[in-house]
C-alpha atoms as a PDB file:
ATOM      1  CA  MET A   1     -70.039 -59.129-165.798  1.00  0.00           C
ATOM      2  CA  ILE A   2     -68.835 -56.732-163.122  1.00  0.00           C
ATOM      3  CA  ARG A   3     -68.695 -60.003-160.734  1.00  0.00           C
ATOM      4  CA  ASN A   4     -66.520 -61.875-163.102  1.00  0.00           C
ATOM      5  CA  VAL A   5     -63.893 -58.920-163.101  1.00  0.00           C
ATOM      6  CA  PHE A   6     -64.057 -58.764-159.295  1.00  0.00           C
ATOM      7  CA  TYR A   7     -63.271 -62.461-159.132  1.00  0.00           C
ATOM      8  CA  SER A   8     -60.483 -62.143-161.634  1.00  0.00           C
ATOM      9  CA  LEU A   9     -58.917 -59.282-159.683  1.00  0.00           C
ATOM     10  CA  CYS A  10     -58.952 -61.175-156.293  1.00  0.00           C
ATOM     11  CA  LEU A  11     -57.540 -64.237-157.991  1.00  0.00           C
ATOM     12  CA  LEU A  12     -54.691 -62.009-159.491  1.00  0.00           C
ATOM     13  CA  LEU A  13     -54.078 -60.374-156.111  1.00  0.00           C
ATOM     14  CA  ALA A  14     -53.971 -63.666-154.342  1.00  0.00           C
ATOM     15  CA  LEU A  15     -51.378 -65.164-156.950  1.00  0.00           C
ATOM     16  CA  VAL A  16     -49.254 -62.263-156.536  1.00  0.00           C
ATOM     17  CA  SER A  17     -49.092 -62.246-153.075  1.00  0.00           C
ATOM     18  CA  CYS A  18     -48.031 -65.709-152.850  1.00  0.00           C
ATOM     19  CA  ASP A  19     -44.784 -65.294-155.029  1.00  0.00           C
ATOM     20  CA  ARG A  20     -43.278 -63.428-152.382  1.00  0.00           C
ATOM     21  CA  GLU A  21     -39.836 -65.271-151.686  1.00  0.00           C
ATOM     22  CA  LEU A  22     -38.543 -65.221-148.119  1.00  0.00           C
ATOM     23  CA  PRO A  23     -35.490 -63.179-147.642  1.00  0.00           C
ATOM     24  CA  GLU A  24     -32.193 -65.275-147.457  1.00  0.00           C
ATOM     25  CA  TYR A  25     -30.227 -65.289-144.187  1.00  0.00           C
ATOM     26  CA  ASN A  26     -26.834 -63.921-144.956  1.00  0.00           C
ATOM     27  CA  GLY A  27     -25.261 -63.636-141.378  1.00  0.00           C
ATOM     28  CA  GLU A  28     -26.679 -59.955-140.624  1.00  0.00           C
ATOM     29  CA  CYS A  29     -28.000 -59.298-136.885  1.00  0.00           C
ATOM     30  CA  ILE A  30     -31.532 -60.362-135.957  1.00  0.00           C
ATOM     31  CA  THR A  31     -33.381 -58.509-133.207  1.00  0.00           C
ATOM     32  CA  VAL A  32     -34.371 -60.658-130.522  1.00  0.00           C
ATOM     33  CA  THR A  33     -35.983 -61.106-127.010  1.00  0.00           C
ATOM     34  CA  TYR A  34     -35.143 -63.573-124.293  1.00  0.00           C
ATOM     35  CA  VAL A  35     -37.863 -65.909-123.295  1.00  0.00           C
ATOM     36  CA  ARG A  36     -36.276 -68.460-121.151  1.00  0.00           C
ATOM     37  CA  GLY A  37     -33.247 -70.389-120.871  1.00  0.00           C
ATOM     38  CA  ILE A  38     -30.654 -72.412-118.962  1.00  0.00           C
ATOM     39  CA  CYS A  39     -27.226 -73.911-119.143  1.00  0.00           C
ATOM     40  CA  GLY A  40     -25.943 -72.362-122.484  1.00  0.00           C
ATOM     41  CA  GLN A  41     -29.515 -72.567-124.133  1.00  0.00           C
ATOM     42  CA  ALA A  42     -32.144 -70.166-124.515  1.00  0.00           C
ATOM     43  CA  VAL A  43     -35.573 -69.660-126.222  1.00  0.00           C
ATOM     44  CA  LEU A  44     -35.330 -66.655-128.353  1.00  0.00           C
ATOM     45  CA  LYS A  45     -38.334 -64.540-129.926  1.00  0.00           C
ATOM     46  CA  ILE A  46     -37.641 -62.794-133.219  1.00  0.00           C
ATOM     47  CA  VAL A  47     -38.736 -59.209-133.359  1.00  0.00           C
ATOM     48  CA  ASP A  48     -37.903 -58.413-136.676  1.00  0.00           C
ATOM     49  CA  PRO A  49     -40.985 -59.600-139.128  1.00  0.00           C
ATOM     50  CA  ARG A  50     -38.379 -59.928-141.884  1.00  0.00           C
ATOM     51  CA  TYR A  51     -37.065 -62.894-140.054  1.00  0.00           C
ATOM     52  CA  PHE A  52     -40.010 -64.414-138.742  1.00  0.00           C
ATOM     53  CA  HIS A  53     -39.582 -67.554-141.087  1.00  0.00           C
ATOM     54  CA  LEU A  54     -36.438 -68.452-139.207  1.00  0.00           C
ATOM     55  CA  GLY A  55     -38.562 -69.102-136.136  1.00  0.00           C
ATOM     56  CA  GLU A  56     -41.677 -71.185-135.546  1.00  0.00           C
ATOM     57  CA  ASN A  57     -44.705 -71.123-133.008  1.00  0.00           C
ATOM     58  CA  ALA A  58     -43.877 -73.343-130.270  1.00  0.00           C
ATOM     59  CA  ASP A  59     -44.893 -73.951-126.559  1.00  0.00           C
ATOM     60  CA  SER A  60     -47.366 -71.041-126.951  1.00  0.00           C
ATOM     61  CA  GLU A  61     -44.963 -68.750-128.249  1.00  0.00           C
ATOM     62  CA  THR A  62     -44.755 -67.175-131.746  1.00  0.00           C
ATOM     63  CA  ASN A  63     -41.674 -66.723-133.978  1.00  0.00           C
ATOM     64  CA  VAL A  64     -39.125 -68.479-131.613  1.00  0.00           C
ATOM     65  CA  PHE A  65     -36.326 -70.713-131.620  1.00  0.00           C
ATOM     66  CA  LEU A  66     -33.949 -72.709-129.525  1.00  0.00           C
ATOM     67  CA  ALA A  67     -30.505 -71.265-129.054  1.00  0.00           C
ATOM     68  CA  GLY A  68     -27.268 -72.762-128.321  1.00  0.00           C
ATOM     69  CA  LEU A  69     -25.373 -69.937-126.878  1.00  0.00           C
ATOM     70  CA  GLU A  70     -21.729 -69.395-127.479  1.00  0.00           C
ATOM     71  CA  CYS A  71     -19.296 -69.921-124.641  1.00  0.00           C
ATOM     72  CA  PHE A  72     -18.978 -66.853-122.465  1.00  0.00           C
ATOM     73  CA  THR A  73     -22.045 -65.229-123.485  1.00  0.00           C
ATOM     74  CA  ASP A  74     -22.458 -62.023-121.285  1.00  0.00           C
ATOM     75  CA  ALA A  75     -25.821 -63.000-119.440  1.00  0.00           C
ATOM     76  CA  SER A  76     -26.497 -59.384-118.822  1.00  0.00           C
ATOM     77  CA  ILE A  77     -27.282 -58.805-122.560  1.00  0.00           C
ATOM     78  CA  LEU A  78     -29.886 -61.566-122.283  1.00  0.00           C
ATOM     79  CA  GLN A  79     -31.788 -59.376-119.591  1.00  0.00           C
ATOM     80  CA  LYS A  80     -31.972 -56.380-121.946  1.00  0.00           C
ATOM     81  CA  SER A  81     -35.531 -55.838-123.575  1.00  0.00           C
ATOM     82  CA  THR A  82     -33.957 -56.524-127.122  1.00  0.00           C
ATOM     83  CA  PHE A  83     -30.535 -57.678-128.242  1.00  0.00           C
ATOM     84  CA  TYR A  84     -29.053 -59.026-131.293  1.00  0.00           C
ATOM     85  CA  VAL A  85     -28.010 -62.459-132.451  1.00  0.00           C
ATOM     86  CA  GLU A  86     -26.003 -63.747-135.450  1.00  0.00           C
ATOM     87  CA  LEU A  87     -27.171 -67.318-136.655  1.00  0.00           C
ATOM     88  CA  SER A  88     -24.591 -70.185-136.866  1.00  0.00           C
ATOM     89  CA  PRO A  89     -21.360 -68.277-136.917  1.00  0.00           C
ATOM     90  CA  LYS A  90     -18.493 -70.065-138.733  1.00  0.00           C
ATOM     91  CA  ASP A  91     -16.097 -69.286-135.841  1.00  0.00           C
ATOM     92  CA  PHE A  92     -18.580 -70.372-133.015  1.00  0.00           C
ATOM     93  CA  ASN A  93     -16.884 -71.156-129.842  1.00  0.00           C
ATOM     94  CA  THR A  94     -17.969 -74.362-128.368  1.00  0.00           C
ATOM     95  CA  ASP A  95     -14.895 -74.858-126.121  1.00  0.00           C
ATOM     96  CA  CYS A  96     -16.377 -74.527-122.748  1.00  0.00           C
ATOM     97  CA  ALA A  97     -17.923 -76.767-119.978  1.00  0.00           C
ATOM     98  CA  VAL A  98     -21.727 -76.883-120.428  1.00  0.00           C
ATOM     99  CA  CYS A  99     -24.146 -78.301-117.669  1.00  0.00           C
ATOM    100  CA  LEU A 100     -26.526 -81.219-118.682  1.00  0.00           C
ATOM    101  CA  ALA A 101     -29.936 -79.420-117.953  1.00  0.00           C
ATOM    102  CA  ALA A 102     -31.956 -78.634-121.018  1.00  0.00           C
ATOM    103  CA  VAL A 103     -34.602 -76.033-121.716  1.00  0.00           C
ATOM    104  CA  ALA A 104     -38.054 -77.242-121.986  1.00  0.00           C
ATOM    105  CA  TYR A 105     -38.751 -76.728-125.884  1.00  0.00           C
ATOM    106  CA  SER A 106     -40.933 -78.628-128.168  1.00  0.00           C
ATOM    107  CA  GLY A 107     -40.028 -76.694-131.594  1.00  0.00           C
ATOM    108  CA  SER A 108     -37.712 -77.948-134.174  1.00  0.00           C
ATOM    109  CA  LYS A 109     -35.664 -75.008-135.047  1.00  0.00           C
ATOM    110  CA  GLN A 110     -32.532 -74.504-133.460  1.00  0.00           C
ATOM    111  CA  TYR A 111     -29.396 -72.434-134.044  1.00  0.00           C
ATOM    112  CA  THR A 112     -26.093 -71.758-132.533  1.00  0.00           C
ATOM    113  CA  VAL A 113     -25.863 -67.997-132.064  1.00  0.00           C
ATOM    114  CA  ARG A 114     -23.566 -65.151-130.984  1.00  0.00           C
ATOM    115  CA  VAL A 115     -25.232 -62.637-128.854  1.00  0.00           C
ATOM    116  CA  HIS A 116     -24.568 -58.943-129.686  1.00  0.00           C
ATOM    117  CA  GLU A 117     -25.790 -55.911-127.433  1.00  0.00           C
ATOM    118  CA  VAL A 118     -25.071 -53.548-130.504  1.00  0.00           C
ATOM    119  CA  CYS A 119     -24.837 -54.946-133.956  1.00  0.00           C
ATOM    120  CA  GLU A 120     -21.599 -53.689-135.703  1.00  0.00           C
ATOM    121  CA  GLY A 121     -22.629 -51.419-138.577  1.00  0.00           C
ATOM    122  CA  GLY A 122     -26.031 -50.384-137.355  1.00  0.00           C
ATOM    123  CA  SER A 123     -29.099 -52.332-136.492  1.00  0.00           C
ATOM    124  CA  ASP A 124     -28.695 -54.725-139.063  1.00  0.00           C
ATOM    125  CA  ARG A 125     -25.207 -55.504-140.418  1.00  0.00           C
END
């Protein structure tokens, strides 16, 4: 009898934990770190667990994605331990010359990003 109650509770907990929905991305800033990059592309690692679902495990890295950097991104920000990105901004600036070298990345998740040193309105917008 006790064993049946225990199994029932375990099953109930498993079902409840599976019902969690992933948070929707609404343009807020996401904390990331720089992994590697070249010529307006970078592999970025997501630091905030709320947004891990926007990344993937690729090339022996976890929670990463390929970022297309906006024209005139300040490279010094990329060298900081952490910084913020806004994914796929509507007014993304693509009007610049870009070299043809590409970052080695085997994953499939990629976004255009706008880099922020400080996120307006706090750590998340």
